[in-house]
Amino acid sequence: MAREVWHVLPAGDDMWRIAPEEDSEMGPIYQDKDEAVRHAKDQAKAAQLGQIIVHSRDGRIEYENTYGEDPRERKG
């Protein structure tokens, strides 16, 4: 089962994009970063295994969150 990953990325002046990991050029654009993060969380929570990766204005990763049951690969 693959994890579904969404990135919150800067998209021009004061704009933010939610993009699936496989295509960072696609996805809706938002005026507000908080709104973009909220929508990305909704997408990740709707998936069986979801993750958001939030970037800063310079493109670096600020933080990431995972959602859903992450299966363990080994006992421990």
N, C-alpha and C. Protein backbone atom coordinates (compact mmCIF):
# COMPACT_ATOMS: atom_id res chain seq x y z
N MET A 1 0.85 -1.17 0.00
CA MET A 1 0.00 0.00 0.00
C MET A 1 0.90 1.24 0.00
N ALA A 2 0.73 2.08 -0.97
CA ALA A 2 1.58 3.26 -1.12
C ALA A 2 0.98 4.45 -0.37
N ARG A 3 1.84 5.25 0.15
CA ARG A 3 1.42 6.48 0.84
C ARG A 3 1.11 7.55 -0.21
N GLU A 4 0.01 8.27 -0.01
CA GLU A 4 -0.34 9.39 -0.88
C GLU A 4 0.24 10.66 -0.25
N VAL A 5 1.08 11.36 -1.02
CA VAL A 5 1.81 12.51 -0.49
C VAL A 5 1.40 13.78 -1.24
N TRP A 6 1.10 14.83 -0.47
CA TRP A 6 0.79 16.14 -1.05
C TRP A 6 1.78 17.16 -0.51
N HIS A 7 2.27 18.01 -1.40
CA HIS A 7 3.19 19.08 -1.02
C HIS A 7 2.43 20.40 -1.03
N VAL A 8 2.75 21.26 -0.07
CA VAL A 8 2.27 22.64 -0.07
C VAL A 8 3.47 23.48 -0.48
N LEU A 9 3.38 24.09 -1.66
CA LEU A 9 4.52 24.77 -2.28
C LEU A 9 4.20 26.22 -2.59
N PRO A 10 5.22 27.09 -2.57
CA PRO A 10 5.00 28.47 -3.02
C PRO A 10 4.68 28.47 -4.52
N ALA A 11 3.77 29.35 -4.91
CA ALA A 11 3.36 29.42 -6.32
C ALA A 11 3.24 30.89 -6.72
N GLY A 12 4.35 31.56 -6.81
CA GLY A 12 4.31 32.97 -7.18
C GLY A 12 4.15 33.86 -5.95
N ASP A 13 3.90 35.12 -6.18
CA ASP A 13 3.79 36.10 -5.10
C ASP A 13 2.59 35.81 -4.21
N ASP A 14 2.84 35.48 -2.96
CA ASP A 14 1.81 35.27 -1.95
C ASP A 14 0.76 34.23 -2.34
N MET A 15 1.13 33.28 -3.15
CA MET A 15 0.23 32.21 -3.56
C MET A 15 0.85 30.88 -3.14
N TRP A 16 0.00 29.87 -2.92
CA TRP A 16 0.45 28.55 -2.50
C TRP A 16 -0.29 27.49 -3.30
N ARG A 17 0.42 26.42 -3.62
CA ARG A 17 -0.13 25.33 -4.42
C ARG A 17 -0.10 24.04 -3.60
N ILE A 18 -1.15 23.23 -3.75
CA ILE A 18 -1.15 21.86 -3.24
C ILE A 18 -0.87 20.97 -4.43
N ALA A 19 0.16 20.16 -4.33
CA ALA A 19 0.53 19.32 -5.46
C ALA A 19 0.79 17.89 -5.02
N PRO A 20 0.26 16.92 -5.76
CA PRO A 20 0.60 15.54 -5.47
C PRO A 20 2.08 15.31 -5.76
N GLU A 21 2.70 14.42 -5.02
CA GLU A 21 4.15 14.23 -5.13
C GLU A 21 4.58 13.89 -6.55
N GLU A 22 3.77 13.16 -7.28
CA GLU A 22 4.20 12.74 -8.62
C GLU A 22 4.15 13.86 -9.66
N ASP A 23 3.51 14.99 -9.33
CA ASP A 23 3.44 16.09 -10.30
C ASP A 23 3.33 17.43 -9.58
N SER A 24 4.46 18.02 -9.24
CA SER A 24 4.48 19.25 -8.44
C SER A 24 4.01 20.49 -9.21
N GLU A 25 3.73 20.34 -10.50
CA GLU A 25 3.25 21.48 -11.29
C GLU A 25 1.72 21.52 -11.33
N MET A 26 1.06 20.49 -10.83
CA MET A 26 -0.40 20.41 -10.87
C MET A 26 -0.97 20.65 -9.48
N GLY A 27 -2.22 21.00 -9.43
CA GLY A 27 -2.91 21.16 -8.16
C GLY A 27 -3.46 22.55 -8.00
N PRO A 28 -4.43 22.68 -7.08
CA PRO A 28 -5.08 23.99 -6.87
C PRO A 28 -4.14 25.01 -6.24
N ILE A 29 -4.44 26.28 -6.50
CA ILE A 29 -3.65 27.39 -5.95
C ILE A 29 -4.52 28.15 -4.96
N TYR A 30 -3.91 28.58 -3.85
CA TYR A 30 -4.61 29.28 -2.78
C TYR A 30 -3.90 30.61 -2.48
N GLN A 31 -4.67 31.58 -2.02
CA GLN A 31 -4.14 32.89 -1.66
C GLN A 31 -3.41 32.85 -0.32
N ASP A 32 -3.77 31.90 0.53
CA ASP A 32 -3.29 31.86 1.90
C ASP A 32 -2.65 30.51 2.20
N LYS A 33 -1.47 30.52 2.81
CA LYS A 33 -0.76 29.27 3.10
C LYS A 33 -1.55 28.40 4.07
N ASP A 34 -2.15 29.01 5.09
CA ASP A 34 -2.93 28.23 6.06
C ASP A 34 -4.09 27.50 5.38
N GLU A 35 -4.73 28.16 4.44
CA GLU A 35 -5.83 27.53 3.71
C GLU A 35 -5.31 26.35 2.88
N ALA A 36 -4.17 26.53 2.24
CA ALA A 36 -3.57 25.45 1.44
C ALA A 36 -3.23 24.26 2.34
N VAL A 37 -2.67 24.52 3.50
CA VAL A 37 -2.33 23.44 4.44
C VAL A 37 -3.59 22.72 4.88
N ARG A 38 -4.65 23.46 5.19
CA ARG A 38 -5.91 22.84 5.60
C ARG A 38 -6.45 21.89 4.53
N HIS A 39 -6.41 22.32 3.30
CA HIS A 39 -6.91 21.49 2.20
C HIS A 39 -6.00 20.28 1.98
N ALA A 40 -4.70 20.45 2.10
CA ALA A 40 -3.78 19.33 1.96
C ALA A 40 -4.03 18.30 3.06
N LYS A 41 -4.26 18.76 4.29
CA LYS A 41 -4.56 17.84 5.40
C LYS A 41 -5.83 17.06 5.12
N ASP A 42 -6.84 17.73 4.59
CA ASP A 42 -8.08 17.03 4.25
C ASP A 42 -7.83 15.92 3.25
N GLN A 43 -7.01 16.19 2.24
CA GLN A 43 -6.67 15.18 1.24
C GLN A 43 -5.92 14.01 1.88
N ALA A 44 -4.95 14.32 2.73
CA ALA A 44 -4.14 13.28 3.36
C ALA A 44 -4.97 12.43 4.32
N LYS A 45 -5.87 13.06 5.06
CA LYS A 45 -6.71 12.32 6.00
C LYS A 45 -7.73 11.44 5.29
N ALA A 46 -8.12 11.80 4.09
CA ALA A 46 -9.08 11.01 3.32
C ALA A 46 -8.43 9.74 2.74
N ALA A 47 -7.11 9.74 2.63
CA ALA A 47 -6.39 8.59 2.10
C ALA A 47 -6.18 7.56 3.20
N GLN A 48 -6.01 6.31 2.82
CA GLN A 48 -5.73 5.28 3.82
C GLN A 48 -4.39 5.55 4.50
N LEU A 49 -3.39 5.92 3.71
CA LEU A 49 -2.09 6.39 4.21
C LEU A 49 -1.81 7.71 3.52
N GLY A 50 -1.74 8.79 4.27
CA GLY A 50 -1.53 10.10 3.68
C GLY A 50 -0.42 10.87 4.36
N GLN A 51 0.15 11.80 3.66
CA GLN A 51 1.23 12.63 4.19
C GLN A 51 1.17 14.00 3.52
N ILE A 52 1.46 15.05 4.31
CA ILE A 52 1.66 16.37 3.73
C ILE A 52 3.09 16.80 4.04
N ILE A 53 3.67 17.50 3.09
CA ILE A 53 5.00 18.08 3.26
C ILE A 53 4.84 19.56 2.95
N VAL A 54 5.07 20.39 3.96
CA VAL A 54 4.86 21.83 3.84
C VAL A 54 6.21 22.52 3.64
N HIS A 55 6.30 23.29 2.59
CA HIS A 55 7.54 23.99 2.23
C HIS A 55 7.44 25.46 2.64
N SER A 56 8.59 26.07 2.86
CA SER A 56 8.64 27.51 3.14
C SER A 56 8.71 28.26 1.81
N ARG A 57 8.70 29.56 1.86
CA ARG A 57 8.73 30.39 0.67
C ARG A 57 9.97 30.10 -0.19
N ASP A 58 11.11 29.74 0.45
CA ASP A 58 12.33 29.45 -0.31
C ASP A 58 12.38 28.01 -0.83
N GLY A 59 11.32 27.24 -0.60
CA GLY A 59 11.23 25.88 -1.14
C GLY A 59 11.72 24.79 -0.20
N ARG A 60 12.34 25.17 0.91
CA ARG A 60 12.81 24.16 1.86
C ARG A 60 11.64 23.58 2.64
N ILE A 61 11.81 22.36 3.11
CA ILE A 61 10.76 21.70 3.89
C ILE A 61 10.71 22.31 5.28
N GLU A 62 9.53 22.80 5.68
CA GLU A 62 9.31 23.33 7.02
C GLU A 62 8.95 22.21 7.98
N TYR A 63 7.96 21.38 7.57
CA TYR A 63 7.54 20.25 8.40
C TYR A 63 6.73 19.29 7.55
N GLU A 64 6.49 18.11 8.11
CA GLU A 64 5.64 17.13 7.45
C GLU A 64 4.83 16.38 8.50
N ASN A 65 3.66 15.93 8.08
CA ASN A 65 2.78 15.16 8.95
C ASN A 65 2.27 13.96 8.17
N THR A 66 2.10 12.84 8.87
CA THR A 66 1.52 11.66 8.26
C THR A 66 0.18 11.35 8.93
N TYR A 67 -0.68 10.67 8.19
CA TYR A 67 -2.02 10.35 8.65
C TYR A 67 -2.34 8.92 8.27
N GLY A 68 -3.09 8.23 9.12
CA GLY A 68 -3.51 6.87 8.84
C GLY A 68 -2.61 5.86 9.52
N GLU A 69 -2.98 4.60 9.39
CA GLU A 69 -2.22 3.51 9.98
C GLU A 69 -1.02 3.19 9.11
N ASP A 70 0.16 3.41 9.65
CA ASP A 70 1.40 3.09 8.92
C ASP A 70 1.79 1.67 9.28
N PRO A 71 1.74 0.73 8.31
CA PRO A 71 2.05 -0.65 8.65
C PRO A 71 3.53 -0.82 9.00
N ARG A 72 3.77 -1.55 10.07
CA ARG A 72 5.15 -1.86 10.47
C ARG A 72 5.69 -2.94 9.55
N GLU A 73 6.92 -2.79 9.16
CA GLU A 73 7.55 -3.79 8.32
C GLU A 73 8.18 -4.91 9.12
N ARG A 74 8.46 -4.64 10.40
CA ARG A 74 9.05 -5.68 11.25
C ARG A 74 8.58 -5.48 12.69
N LYS A 75 8.65 -6.54 13.43
CA LYS A 75 8.25 -6.46 14.83
C LYS A 75 9.28 -5.68 15.60
N GLY A 76 8.80 -5.00 16.63
CA GLY A 76 9.79 -4.27 17.43
C GLY A 76 9.20 -3.28 18.38
